[in-house]
Amino acid sequence: MTVRNGTNGAYLAQYHIIDDLDTSATVDRSDVGCDSAGNVCVAWNGKPTTATDLGTNNTQAFGQDQVMARVLHFDGTTITPVTHTFFPFLNSDSDTNNIVGYQTTNPNVDMTTR
């Protein structure tokens, strides 16, 4: 994520959002939402390599892409992570040969200060 000045386009800061995931994890379609307090939520569609990347059961395998998200804070000069990467919800992966029939993709994020 790169932050630029909206008036003159000057570079302000950047942060590698998925720095807490395995480098071989896939990332696709993303969206960003922000509020007036400098909080930013980035969500993306992708597949983590193992569940340990996200602090869940390390025997879980991911048959489908998942929607993942991370919340950060921008104070005007520095971007600081507020959360680790997390699943806002989980696509059914319990049996990759018999997917339950729902899949979430292409996240869309909106934020308020509440």
PDB file of N, CA and C in Angstrom:
ATOM      1  N   MET A   1       0.856  -1.154   0.000  1.00  0.00           N
ATOM      2  CA  MET A   1       0.000   0.000   0.000  1.00  0.00           C
ATOM      3  C   MET A   1       0.911   1.229   0.000  1.00  0.00           C
ATOM      4  N   THR A   2       0.611   2.150  -0.872  1.00  0.00           N
ATOM      5  CA  THR A   2       1.358   3.403  -0.940  1.00  0.00           C
ATOM      6  C   THR A   2       0.402   4.555  -0.669  1.00  0.00           C
ATOM      7  N   VAL A   3       0.824   5.485   0.161  1.00  0.00           N
ATOM      8  CA  VAL A   3       0.029   6.671   0.472  1.00  0.00           C
ATOM      9  C   VAL A   3       0.685   7.861  -0.211  1.00  0.00           C
ATOM     10  N   ARG A   4      -0.127   8.612  -0.930  1.00  0.00           N
ATOM     11  CA  ARG A   4       0.351   9.818  -1.607  1.00  0.00           C
ATOM     12  C   ARG A   4      -0.506  11.002  -1.206  1.00  0.00           C
ATOM     13  N   ASN A   5       0.063  12.181  -1.267  1.00  0.00           N
ATOM     14  CA  ASN A   5      -0.658  13.411  -0.987  1.00  0.00           C
ATOM     15  C   ASN A   5      -1.707  13.620  -2.082  1.00  0.00           C
ATOM     16  N   GLY A   6      -2.968  13.819  -1.688  1.00  0.00           N
ATOM     17  CA  GLY A   6      -4.046  13.989  -2.658  1.00  0.00           C
ATOM     18  C   GLY A   6      -3.984  15.297  -3.428  1.00  0.00           C
ATOM     19  N   THR A   7      -3.232  16.265  -2.931  1.00  0.00           N
ATOM     20  CA  THR A   7      -3.144  17.561  -3.594  1.00  0.00           C
ATOM     21  C   THR A   7      -2.048  17.598  -4.650  1.00  0.00           C
ATOM     22  N   ASN A   8      -0.850  17.123  -4.283  1.00  0.00           N
ATOM     23  CA  ASN A   8       0.268  17.241  -5.217  1.00  0.00           C
ATOM     24  C   ASN A   8       0.861  15.899  -5.654  1.00  0.00           C
ATOM     25  N   GLY A   9       0.327  14.768  -5.136  1.00  0.00           N
ATOM     26  CA  GLY A   9       0.809  13.451  -5.553  1.00  0.00           C
ATOM     27  C   GLY A   9       2.115  13.022  -4.910  1.00  0.00           C
ATOM     28  N   ALA A  10       2.617  13.811  -3.958  1.00  0.00           N
ATOM     29  CA  ALA A  10       3.897  13.478  -3.322  1.00  0.00           C
ATOM     30  C   ALA A  10       3.780  12.180  -2.514  1.00  0.00           C
ATOM     31  N   TYR A  11       4.828  11.363  -2.562  1.00  0.00           N
ATOM     32  CA  TYR A  11       4.904  10.113  -1.809  1.00  0.00           C
ATOM     33  C   TYR A  11       4.963  10.407  -0.313  1.00  0.00           C
ATOM     34  N   LEU A  12       4.152   9.708   0.487  1.00  0.00           N
ATOM     35  CA  LEU A  12       4.158   9.892   1.940  1.00  0.00           C
ATOM     36  C   LEU A  12       4.654   8.662   2.686  1.00  0.00           C
ATOM     37  N   ALA A  13       4.151   7.469   2.332  1.00  0.00           N
ATOM     38  CA  ALA A  13       4.533   6.251   3.051  1.00  0.00           C
ATOM     39  C   ALA A  13       4.103   5.030   2.263  1.00  0.00           C
ATOM     40  N   GLN A  14       4.653   3.867   2.650  1.00  0.00           N
ATOM     41  CA  GLN A  14       4.209   2.612   2.055  1.00  0.00           C
ATOM     42  C   GLN A  14       4.329   1.493   3.079  1.00  0.00           C
ATOM     43  N   TYR A  15       3.558   0.420   2.848  1.00  0.00           N
ATOM     44  CA  TYR A  15       3.587  -0.736   3.745  1.00  0.00           C
ATOM     45  C   TYR A  15       3.254  -1.983   2.939  1.00  0.00           C
ATOM     46  N   HIS A  16       3.998  -3.061   3.181  1.00  0.00           N
ATOM     47  CA  HIS A  16       3.749  -4.338   2.520  1.00  0.00           C
ATOM     48  C   HIS A  16       2.683  -5.075   3.326  1.00  0.00           C
ATOM     49  N   ILE A  17       1.451  -5.056   2.855  1.00  0.00           N
ATOM     50  CA  ILE A  17       0.286  -5.520   3.602  1.00  0.00           C
ATOM     51  C   ILE A  17       0.403  -6.977   4.022  1.00  0.00           C
ATOM     52  N   ILE A  18       0.874  -7.848   3.162  1.00  0.00           N
ATOM     53  CA  ILE A  18       0.882  -9.273   3.479  1.00  0.00           C
ATOM     54  C   ILE A  18       2.220  -9.740   4.055  1.00  0.00           C
ATOM     55  N   ASP A  19       2.908  -8.876   4.767  1.00  0.00           N
ATOM     56  CA  ASP A  19       4.208  -9.259   5.326  1.00  0.00           C
ATOM     57  C   ASP A  19       4.099 -10.334   6.394  1.00  0.00           C
ATOM     58  N   ASP A  20       2.887 -10.624   6.904  1.00  0.00           N
ATOM     59  CA  ASP A  20       2.743 -11.680   7.894  1.00  0.00           C
ATOM     60  C   ASP A  20       2.278 -12.996   7.280  1.00  0.00           C
ATOM     61  N   LEU A  21       2.217 -13.077   5.941  1.00  0.00           N
ATOM     62  CA  LEU A  21       1.876 -14.320   5.251  1.00  0.00           C
ATOM     63  C   LEU A  21       3.110 -14.902   4.591  1.00  0.00           C
ATOM     64  N   ASP A  22       3.054 -16.178   4.265  1.00  0.00           N
ATOM     65  CA  ASP A  22       4.117 -16.837   3.511  1.00  0.00           C
ATOM     66  C   ASP A  22       4.277 -16.115   2.174  1.00  0.00           C
ATOM     67  N   THR A  23       5.488 -15.932   1.732  1.00  0.00           N
ATOM     68  CA  THR A  23       5.737 -15.183   0.491  1.00  0.00           C
ATOM     69  C   THR A  23       5.179 -15.873  -0.739  1.00  0.00           C
ATOM     70  N   SER A  24       4.878 -17.189  -0.654  1.00  0.00           N
ATOM     71  CA  SER A  24       4.335 -17.886  -1.817  1.00  0.00           C
ATOM     72  C   SER A  24       2.810 -17.869  -1.844  1.00  0.00           C
ATOM     73  N   ALA A  25       2.176 -17.194  -0.891  1.00  0.00           N
ATOM     74  CA  ALA A  25       0.709 -17.100  -0.872  1.00  0.00           C
ATOM     75  C   ALA A  25       0.225 -16.317  -2.084  1.00  0.00           C
ATOM     76  N   THR A  26      -0.922 -16.721  -2.632  1.00  0.00           N
ATOM     77  CA  THR A  26      -1.461 -15.997  -3.779  1.00  0.00           C
ATOM     78  C   THR A  26      -2.309 -14.824  -3.313  1.00  0.00           C
ATOM     79  N   VAL A  27      -2.297 -13.773  -4.094  1.00  0.00           N
ATOM     80  CA  VAL A  27      -3.108 -12.590  -3.811  1.00  0.00           C
ATOM     81  C   VAL A  27      -3.763 -12.161  -5.115  1.00  0.00           C
ATOM     82  N   ASP A  28      -5.066 -11.909  -5.042  1.00  0.00           N
ATOM     83  CA  ASP A  28      -5.831 -11.486  -6.205  1.00  0.00           C
ATOM     84  C   ASP A  28      -6.764 -10.374  -5.756  1.00  0.00           C
ATOM     85  N   ARG A  29      -7.543  -9.819  -6.585  1.00  0.00           N
ATOM     86  CA  ARG A  29      -8.531  -8.792  -6.318  1.00  0.00           C
ATOM     87  C   ARG A  29      -8.496  -8.217  -4.899  1.00  0.00           C
ATOM     88  N   SER A  30      -8.336  -6.929  -4.806  1.00  0.00           N
ATOM     89  CA  SER A  30      -8.245  -6.284  -3.494  1.00  0.00           C
ATOM     90  C   SER A  30      -9.106  -5.027  -3.458  1.00  0.00           C
ATOM     91  N   ASP A  31      -9.363  -4.560  -2.240  1.00  0.00           N
ATOM     92  CA  ASP A  31     -10.111  -3.326  -2.050  1.00  0.00           C
ATOM     93  C   ASP A  31      -9.624  -2.673  -0.757  1.00  0.00           C
ATOM     94  N   VAL A  32      -9.791  -1.371  -0.663  1.00  0.00           N
ATOM     95  CA  VAL A  32      -9.336  -0.616   0.509  1.00  0.00           C
ATOM     96  C   VAL A  32     -10.461   0.293   0.961  1.00  0.00           C
ATOM     97  N   GLY A  33     -10.652   0.354   2.268  1.00  0.00           N
ATOM     98  CA  GLY A  33     -11.583   1.307   2.859  1.00  0.00           C
ATOM     99  C   GLY A  33     -10.848   2.084   3.940  1.00  0.00           C
ATOM    100  N   CYS A  34     -11.221   3.337   4.160  1.00  0.00           N
ATOM    101  CA  CYS A  34     -10.563   4.126   5.201  1.00  0.00           C
ATOM    102  C   CYS A  34     -11.588   4.998   5.898  1.00  0.00           C
ATOM    103  N   ASP A  35     -11.225   5.449   7.088  1.00  0.00           N
ATOM    104  CA  ASP A  35     -12.105   6.365   7.817  1.00  0.00           C
ATOM    105  C   ASP A  35     -11.362   7.670   8.086  1.00  0.00           C
ATOM    106  N   SER A  36     -12.036   8.639   8.669  1.00  0.00           N
ATOM    107  CA  SER A  36     -11.441   9.953   8.901  1.00  0.00           C
ATOM    108  C   SER A  36     -10.438   9.955  10.050  1.00  0.00           C
ATOM    109  N   ALA A  37     -10.321   8.859  10.786  1.00  0.00           N
ATOM    110  CA  ALA A  37      -9.362   8.773  11.892  1.00  0.00           C
ATOM    111  C   ALA A  37      -8.021   8.176  11.466  1.00  0.00           C
ATOM    112  N   GLY A  38      -7.855   7.893  10.170  1.00  0.00           N
ATOM    113  CA  GLY A  38      -6.594   7.366   9.665  1.00  0.00           C
ATOM    114  C   GLY A  38      -6.511   5.852   9.678  1.00  0.00           C
ATOM    115  N   ASN A  39      -7.628   5.165   9.937  1.00  0.00           N
ATOM    116  CA  ASN A  39      -7.638   3.705   9.899  1.00  0.00           C
ATOM    117  C   ASN A  39      -7.940   3.232   8.489  1.00  0.00           C
ATOM    118  N   VAL A  40      -7.273   2.165   8.085  1.00  0.00           N
ATOM    119  CA  VAL A  40      -7.404   1.630   6.737  1.00  0.00           C
ATOM    120  C   VAL A  40      -7.630   0.126   6.845  1.00  0.00           C
ATOM    121  N   CYS A  41      -8.598  -0.383   6.114  1.00  0.00           N
ATOM    122  CA  CYS A  41      -8.803  -1.832   6.024  1.00  0.00           C
ATOM    123  C   CYS A  41      -8.537  -2.243   4.585  1.00  0.00           C
ATOM    124  N   VAL A  42      -7.638  -3.195   4.416  1.00  0.00           N
ATOM    125  CA  VAL A  42      -7.335  -3.738   3.101  1.00  0.00           C
ATOM    126  C   VAL A  42      -7.849  -5.170   3.088  1.00  0.00           C
ATOM    127  N   ALA A  43      -8.634  -5.520   2.078  1.00  0.00           N
ATOM    128  CA  ALA A  43      -9.139  -6.888   1.934  1.00  0.00           C
ATOM    129  C   ALA A  43      -8.764  -7.393   0.553  1.00  0.00           C
ATOM    130  N   TRP A  44      -8.496  -8.684   0.450  1.00  0.00           N
ATOM    131  CA  TRP A  44      -8.117  -9.269  -0.826  1.00  0.00           C
ATOM    132  C   TRP A  44      -8.576 -10.707  -0.893  1.00  0.00           C
ATOM    133  N   ASN A  45      -8.638 -11.197  -2.104  1.00  0.00           N
ATOM    134  CA  ASN A  45      -8.989 -12.572  -2.391  1.00  0.00           C
ATOM    135  C   ASN A  45      -7.700 -13.308  -2.699  1.00  0.00           C
ATOM    136  N   GLY A  46      -7.461 -14.428  -2.028  1.00  0.00           N
ATOM    137  CA  GLY A  46      -6.246 -15.183  -2.284  1.00  0.00           C
ATOM    138  C   GLY A  46      -6.233 -16.465  -1.489  1.00  0.00           C
ATOM    139  N   LYS A  47      -5.133 -17.182  -1.584  1.00  0.00           N
ATOM    140  CA  LYS A  47      -5.018 -18.453  -0.900  1.00  0.00           C
ATOM    141  C   LYS A  47      -3.751 -18.471  -0.054  1.00  0.00           C
ATOM    142  N   PRO A  48      -3.885 -18.485   1.274  1.00  0.00           N
ATOM    143  CA  PRO A  48      -2.687 -18.621   2.108  1.00  0.00           C
ATOM    144  C   PRO A  48      -2.118 -20.021   1.927  1.00  0.00           C
ATOM    145  N   THR A  49      -0.829 -20.180   2.111  1.00  0.00           N
ATOM    146  CA  THR A  49      -0.215 -21.488   1.892  1.00  0.00           C
ATOM    147  C   THR A  49      -0.561 -22.468   2.996  1.00  0.00           C
ATOM    148  N   THR A  50      -0.675 -22.003   4.235  1.00  0.00           N
ATOM    149  CA  THR A  50      -1.084 -22.861   5.349  1.00  0.00           C
ATOM    150  C   THR A  50      -1.924 -22.034   6.293  1.00  0.00           C
ATOM    151  N   ALA A  51      -2.696 -22.704   7.116  1.00  0.00           N
ATOM    152  CA  ALA A  51      -3.537 -21.987   8.068  1.00  0.00           C
ATOM    153  C   ALA A  51      -2.714 -21.348   9.174  1.00  0.00           C
ATOM    154  N   THR A  52      -1.483 -21.816   9.405  1.00  0.00           N
ATOM    155  CA  THR A  52      -0.681 -21.220  10.469  1.00  0.00           C
ATOM    156  C   THR A  52      -0.364 -19.767  10.157  1.00  0.00           C
ATOM    157  N   ASP A  53      -0.432 -19.396   8.873  1.00  0.00           N
ATOM    158  CA  ASP A  53      -0.219 -18.002   8.500  1.00  0.00           C
ATOM    159  C   ASP A  53      -1.228 -17.085   9.180  1.00  0.00           C
ATOM    160  N   LEU A  54      -2.423 -17.619   9.451  1.00  0.00           N
ATOM    161  CA  LEU A  54      -3.485 -16.795   9.992  1.00  0.00           C
ATOM    162  C   LEU A  54      -3.886 -17.216  11.395  1.00  0.00           C
ATOM    163  N   GLY A  55      -3.048 -18.000  12.065  1.00  0.00           N
ATOM    164  CA  GLY A  55      -3.288 -18.343  13.456  1.00  0.00           C
ATOM    165  C   GLY A  55      -4.421 -19.314  13.678  1.00  0.00           C
ATOM    166  N   THR A  56      -4.752 -20.146  12.673  1.00  0.00           N
ATOM    167  CA  THR A  56      -5.808 -21.138  12.846  1.00  0.00           C
ATOM    168  C   THR A  56      -5.207 -22.530  12.883  1.00  0.00           C
ATOM    169  N   ASN A  57      -6.035 -23.534  12.839  1.00  0.00           N
ATOM    170  CA  ASN A  57      -5.585 -24.920  12.909  1.00  0.00           C
ATOM    171  C   ASN A  57      -4.553 -25.202  11.810  1.00  0.00           C
ATOM    172  N   ASN A  58      -3.358 -25.603  12.184  1.00  0.00           N
ATOM    173  CA  ASN A  58      -2.288 -25.742  11.194  1.00  0.00           C
ATOM    174  C   ASN A  58      -2.421 -26.984  10.324  1.00  0.00           C
ATOM    175  N   THR A  59      -3.450 -27.816  10.524  1.00  0.00           N
ATOM    176  CA  THR A  59      -3.671 -28.947   9.640  1.00  0.00           C
ATOM    177  C   THR A  59      -4.663 -28.614   8.544  1.00  0.00           C
ATOM    178  N   GLN A  60      -5.226 -27.421   8.582  1.00  0.00           N
ATOM    179  CA  GLN A  60      -6.223 -27.037   7.585  1.00  0.00           C
ATOM    180  C   GLN A  60      -5.549 -26.714   6.264  1.00  0.00           C
ATOM    181  N   ALA A  61      -6.089 -27.266   5.181  1.00  0.00           N
ATOM    182  CA  ALA A  61      -5.618 -26.934   3.839  1.00  0.00           C
ATOM    183  C   ALA A  61      -6.689 -26.086   3.172  1.00  0.00           C
ATOM    184  N   PHE A  62      -6.296 -25.248   2.257  1.00  0.00           N
ATOM    185  CA  PHE A  62      -7.242 -24.358   1.604  1.00  0.00           C
ATOM    186  C   PHE A  62      -7.474 -24.805   0.169  1.00  0.00           C
ATOM    187  N   GLY A  63      -8.662 -25.338  -0.094  1.00  0.00           N
ATOM    188  CA  GLY A  63      -9.025 -25.742  -1.441  1.00  0.00           C
ATOM    189  C   GLY A  63      -9.489 -24.572  -2.274  1.00  0.00           C
ATOM    190  N   GLN A  64     -10.055 -23.565  -1.638  1.00  0.00           N
ATOM    191  CA  GLN A  64     -10.562 -22.384  -2.340  1.00  0.00           C
ATOM    192  C   GLN A  64      -9.801 -21.148  -1.895  1.00  0.00           C
ATOM    193  N   ASP A  65      -9.866 -20.132  -2.747  1.00  0.00           N
ATOM    194  CA  ASP A  65      -9.377 -18.828  -2.317  1.00  0.00           C
ATOM    195  C   ASP A  65     -10.221 -18.352  -1.148  1.00  0.00           C
ATOM    196  N   GLN A  66      -9.635 -17.528  -0.311  1.00  0.00           N
ATOM    197  CA  GLN A  66     -10.315 -16.969   0.843  1.00  0.00           C
ATOM    198  C   GLN A  66     -10.271 -15.446   0.755  1.00  0.00           C
ATOM    199  N   VAL A  67     -11.223 -14.792   1.397  1.00  0.00           N
ATOM    200  CA  VAL A  67     -11.133 -13.351   1.557  1.00  0.00           C
ATOM    201  C   VAL A  67     -10.366 -13.111   2.846  1.00  0.00           C
ATOM    202  N   MET A  68      -9.286 -12.373   2.746  1.00  0.00           N
ATOM    203  CA  MET A  68      -8.455 -12.038   3.896  1.00  0.00           C
ATOM    204  C   MET A  68      -8.443 -10.527   4.057  1.00  0.00           C
ATOM    205  N   ALA A  69      -8.177 -10.054   5.253  1.00  0.00           N
ATOM    206  CA  ALA A  69      -8.180  -8.609   5.498  1.00  0.00           C
ATOM    207  C   ALA A  69      -7.133  -8.261   6.544  1.00  0.00           C
ATOM    208  N   ARG A  70      -6.794  -6.993   6.582  1.00  0.00           N
ATOM    209  CA  ARG A  70      -5.857  -6.475   7.584  1.00  0.00           C
ATOM    210  C   ARG A  70      -6.194  -5.006   7.822  1.00  0.00           C
ATOM    211  N   VAL A  71      -6.163  -4.592   9.081  1.00  0.00           N
ATOM    212  CA  VAL A  71      -6.438  -3.206   9.441  1.00  0.00           C
ATOM    213  C   VAL A  71      -5.119  -2.539   9.823  1.00  0.00           C
ATOM    214  N   LEU A  72      -4.925  -1.319   9.319  1.00  0.00           N
ATOM    215  CA  LEU A  72      -3.716  -0.542   9.582  1.00  0.00           C
ATOM    216  C   LEU A  72      -4.117   0.870   9.981  1.00  0.00           C
ATOM    217  N   HIS A  73      -3.149   1.624  10.488  1.00  0.00           N
ATOM    218  CA  HIS A  73      -3.399   3.014  10.859  1.00  0.00           C
ATOM    219  C   HIS A  73      -2.324   3.888  10.219  1.00  0.00           C
ATOM    220  N   PHE A  74      -2.762   4.992   9.621  1.00  0.00           N
ATOM    221  CA  PHE A  74      -1.837   5.966   9.035  1.00  0.00           C
ATOM    222  C   PHE A  74      -1.926   7.248   9.846  1.00  0.00           C
ATOM    223  N   ASP A  75      -0.797   7.668  10.441  1.00  0.00           N
ATOM    224  CA  ASP A  75      -0.793   8.850  11.321  1.00  0.00           C
ATOM    225  C   ASP A  75      -0.321  10.118  10.614  1.00  0.00           C
ATOM    226  N   GLY A  76      -0.185  10.066   9.311  1.00  0.00           N
ATOM    227  CA  GLY A  76       0.280  11.218   8.543  1.00  0.00           C
ATOM    228  C   GLY A  76       1.688  11.024   8.011  1.00  0.00           C
ATOM    229  N   THR A  77       2.455  10.140   8.653  1.00  0.00           N
ATOM    230  CA  THR A  77       3.813   9.851   8.185  1.00  0.00           C
ATOM    231  C   THR A  77       4.122   8.356   8.157  1.00  0.00           C
ATOM    232  N   THR A  78       3.502   7.569   9.036  1.00  0.00           N
ATOM    233  CA  THR A  78       3.842   6.159   9.173  1.00  0.00           C
ATOM    234  C   THR A  78       2.588   5.290   9.118  1.00  0.00           C
ATOM    235  N   ILE A  79       2.710   4.128   8.460  1.00  0.00           N
ATOM    236  CA  ILE A  79       1.635   3.138   8.434  1.00  0.00           C
ATOM    237  C   ILE A  79       1.984   2.057   9.449  1.00  0.00           C
ATOM    238  N   THR A  80       1.072   1.798  10.395  1.00  0.00           N
ATOM    239  CA  THR A  80       1.296   0.811  11.447  1.00  0.00           C
ATOM    240  C   THR A  80       0.182  -0.221  11.418  1.00  0.00           C
ATOM    241  N   PRO A  81       0.519  -1.534  11.426  1.00  0.00           N
ATOM    242  CA  PRO A  81      -0.543  -2.539  11.454  1.00  0.00           C
ATOM    243  C   PRO A  81      -1.275  -2.536  12.793  1.00  0.00           C
ATOM    244  N   VAL A  82      -2.591  -2.620  12.740  1.00  0.00           N
ATOM    245  CA  VAL A  82      -3.429  -2.720  13.937  1.00  0.00           C
ATOM    246  C   VAL A  82      -3.765  -4.187  14.194  1.00  0.00           C
ATOM    247  N   THR A  83      -3.937  -4.968  13.122  1.00  0.00           N
ATOM    248  CA  THR A  83      -4.225  -6.393  13.232  1.00  0.00           C
ATOM    249  C   THR A  83      -3.262  -7.181  12.371  1.00  0.00           C
ATOM    250  N   HIS A  84      -3.183  -8.479  12.637  1.00  0.00           N
ATOM    251  CA  HIS A  84      -2.557  -9.398  11.699  1.00  0.00           C
ATOM    252  C   HIS A  84      -3.585  -9.689  10.615  1.00  0.00           C
ATOM    253  N   THR A  85      -3.175 -10.371   9.569  1.00  0.00           N
ATOM    254  CA  THR A  85      -4.114 -10.791   8.544  1.00  0.00           C
ATOM    255  C   THR A  85      -5.143 -11.725   9.171  1.00  0.00           C
ATOM    256  N   PHE A  86      -6.413 -11.548   8.801  1.00  0.00           N
ATOM    257  CA  PHE A  86      -7.476 -12.390   9.357  1.00  0.00           C
ATOM    258  C   PHE A  86      -8.509 -12.710   8.283  1.00  0.00           C
ATOM    259  N   PHE A  87      -9.350 -13.723   8.565  1.00  0.00           N
ATOM    260  CA  PHE A  87     -10.468 -14.075   7.700  1.00  0.00           C
ATOM    261  C   PHE A  87     -11.704 -13.337   8.191  1.00  0.00           C
ATOM    262  N   PRO A  88     -12.290 -12.427   7.416  1.00  0.00           N
ATOM    263  CA  PRO A  88     -13.561 -11.831   7.822  1.00  0.00           C
ATOM    264  C   PRO A  88     -14.664 -12.892   7.839  1.00  0.00           C
ATOM    265  N   PHE A  89     -14.563 -13.870   6.969  1.00  0.00           N
ATOM    266  CA  PHE A  89     -15.410 -15.058   6.934  1.00  0.00           C
ATOM    267  C   PHE A  89     -14.624 -16.101   6.156  1.00  0.00           C
ATOM    268  N   LEU A  90     -15.069 -17.338   6.167  1.00  0.00           N
ATOM    269  CA  LEU A  90     -14.293 -18.425   5.576  1.00  0.00           C
ATOM    270  C   LEU A  90     -15.110 -19.154   4.523  1.00  0.00           C
ATOM    271  N   ASN A  91     -14.549 -19.303   3.312  1.00  0.00           N
ATOM    272  CA  ASN A  91     -15.178 -20.147   2.306  1.00  0.00           C
ATOM    273  C   ASN A  91     -15.120 -21.590   2.784  1.00  0.00           C
ATOM    274  N   SER A  92     -16.125 -22.366   2.460  1.00  0.00           N
ATOM    275  CA  SER A  92     -16.172 -23.758   2.907  1.00  0.00           C
ATOM    276  C   SER A  92     -15.028 -24.544   2.289  1.00  0.00           C
ATOM    277  N   ASP A  93     -14.165 -25.095   3.127  1.00  0.00           N
ATOM    278  CA  ASP A  93     -13.014 -25.862   2.662  1.00  0.00           C
ATOM    279  C   ASP A  93     -12.912 -27.208   3.368  1.00  0.00           C
ATOM    280  N   SER A  94     -13.925 -27.603   4.112  1.00  0.00           N
ATOM    281  CA  SER A  94     -13.791 -28.812   4.915  1.00  0.00           C
ATOM    282  C   SER A  94     -13.600 -30.067   4.072  1.00  0.00           C
ATOM    283  N   ASP A  95     -14.127 -30.102   2.872  1.00  0.00           N
ATOM    284  CA  ASP A  95     -13.944 -31.235   1.965  1.00  0.00           C
ATOM    285  C   ASP A  95     -13.802 -30.672   0.563  1.00  0.00           C
ATOM    286  N   THR A  96     -12.575 -30.615   0.059  1.00  0.00           N
ATOM    287  CA  THR A  96     -12.335 -29.989  -1.248  1.00  0.00           C
ATOM    288  C   THR A  96     -12.969 -30.765  -2.389  1.00  0.00           C
ATOM    289  N   ASN A  97     -13.394 -32.027  -2.160  1.00  0.00           N
ATOM    290  CA  ASN A  97     -14.091 -32.796  -3.191  1.00  0.00           C
ATOM    291  C   ASN A  97     -15.597 -32.553  -3.156  1.00  0.00           C
ATOM    292  N   ASN A  98     -16.086 -31.880  -2.120  1.00  0.00           N
ATOM    293  CA  ASN A  98     -17.518 -31.634  -1.973  1.00  0.00           C
ATOM    294  C   ASN A  98     -17.720 -30.244  -1.369  1.00  0.00           C
ATOM    295  N   ILE A  99     -17.415 -29.221  -2.140  1.00  0.00           N
ATOM    296  CA  ILE A  99     -17.549 -27.849  -1.669  1.00  0.00           C
ATOM    297  C   ILE A  99     -19.030 -27.559  -1.408  1.00  0.00           C
ATOM    298  N   VAL A 100     -19.333 -26.910  -0.320  1.00  0.00           N
ATOM    299  CA  VAL A 100     -20.706 -26.674   0.110  1.00  0.00           C
ATOM    300  C   VAL A 100     -21.502 -25.869  -0.914  1.00  0.00           C
ATOM    301  N   GLY A 101     -20.870 -25.057  -1.715  1.00  0.00           N
ATOM    302  CA  GLY A 101     -21.591 -24.356  -2.761  1.00  0.00           C
ATOM    303  C   GLY A 101     -21.587 -22.848  -2.634  1.00  0.00           C
ATOM    304  N   TYR A 102     -20.858 -22.294  -1.702  1.00  0.00           N
ATOM    305  CA  TYR A 102     -20.762 -20.841  -1.649  1.00  0.00           C
ATOM    306  C   TYR A 102     -19.302 -20.442  -1.703  1.00  0.00           C
ATOM    307  N   GLN A 103     -19.072 -19.305  -2.279  1.00  0.00           N
ATOM    308  CA  GLN A 103     -17.708 -18.803  -2.369  1.00  0.00           C
ATOM    309  C   GLN A 103     -17.752 -17.285  -2.370  1.00  0.00           C
ATOM    310  N   THR A 104     -16.921 -16.669  -1.564  1.00  0.00           N
ATOM    311  CA  THR A 104     -16.831 -15.219  -1.526  1.00  0.00           C
ATOM    312  C   THR A 104     -15.569 -14.792  -2.260  1.00  0.00           C
ATOM    313  N   THR A 105     -15.716 -13.818  -3.121  1.00  0.00           N
ATOM    314  CA  THR A 105     -14.577 -13.291  -3.876  1.00  0.00           C
ATOM    315  C   THR A 105     -14.777 -11.796  -4.057  1.00  0.00           C
ATOM    316  N   ASN A 106     -13.783 -11.158  -4.563  1.00  0.00           N
ATOM    317  CA  ASN A 106     -13.852  -9.733  -4.885  1.00  0.00           C
ATOM    318  C   ASN A 106     -14.385  -8.893  -3.724  1.00  0.00           C
ATOM    319  N   PRO A 107     -13.609  -8.767  -2.657  1.00  0.00           N
ATOM    320  CA  PRO A 107     -14.077  -8.032  -1.470  1.00  0.00           C
ATOM    321  C   PRO A 107     -14.354  -6.565  -1.777  1.00  0.00           C
ATOM    322  N   ASN A 108     -15.260  -5.996  -1.001  1.00  0.00           N
ATOM    323  CA  ASN A 108     -15.600  -4.591  -1.099  1.00  0.00           C
ATOM    324  C   ASN A 108     -15.643  -4.049   0.322  1.00  0.00           C
ATOM    325  N   VAL A 109     -14.815  -3.077   0.650  1.00  0.00           N
ATOM    326  CA  VAL A 109     -14.656  -2.595   2.016  1.00  0.00           C
ATOM    327  C   VAL A 109     -15.168  -1.166   2.150  1.00  0.00           C
ATOM    328  N   ASP A 110     -15.947  -0.921   3.190  1.00  0.00           N
ATOM    329  CA  ASP A 110     -16.355   0.427   3.590  1.00  0.00           C
ATOM    330  C   ASP A 110     -16.080   0.558   5.074  1.00  0.00           C
ATOM    331  N   MET A 111     -15.746   1.751   5.530  1.00  0.00           N
ATOM    332  CA  MET A 111     -15.448   1.966   6.949  1.00  0.00           C
ATOM    333  C   MET A 111     -16.108   3.243   7.459  1.00  0.00           C
ATOM    334  N   THR A 112     -16.406   3.237   8.734  1.00  0.00           N
ATOM    335  CA  THR A 112     -16.817   4.452   9.446  1.00  0.00           C
ATOM    336  C   THR A 112     -15.956   4.552  10.691  1.00  0.00           C
ATOM    337  N   THR A 113     -16.004   5.640  11.391  1.00  0.00           N
ATOM    338  CA  THR A 113     -15.216   5.780  12.616  1.00  0.00           C
ATOM    339  C   THR A 113     -15.872   5.041  13.789  1.00  0.00           C
ATOM    340  N   ARG A 114     -17.061   4.508  13.611  1.00  0.00           N
ATOM    341  CA  ARG A 114     -17.707   3.712  14.660  1.00  0.00           C
ATOM    342  C   ARG A 114     -17.169   2.322  14.620  1.00  0.00           C
TER     343      ARG A 114
END
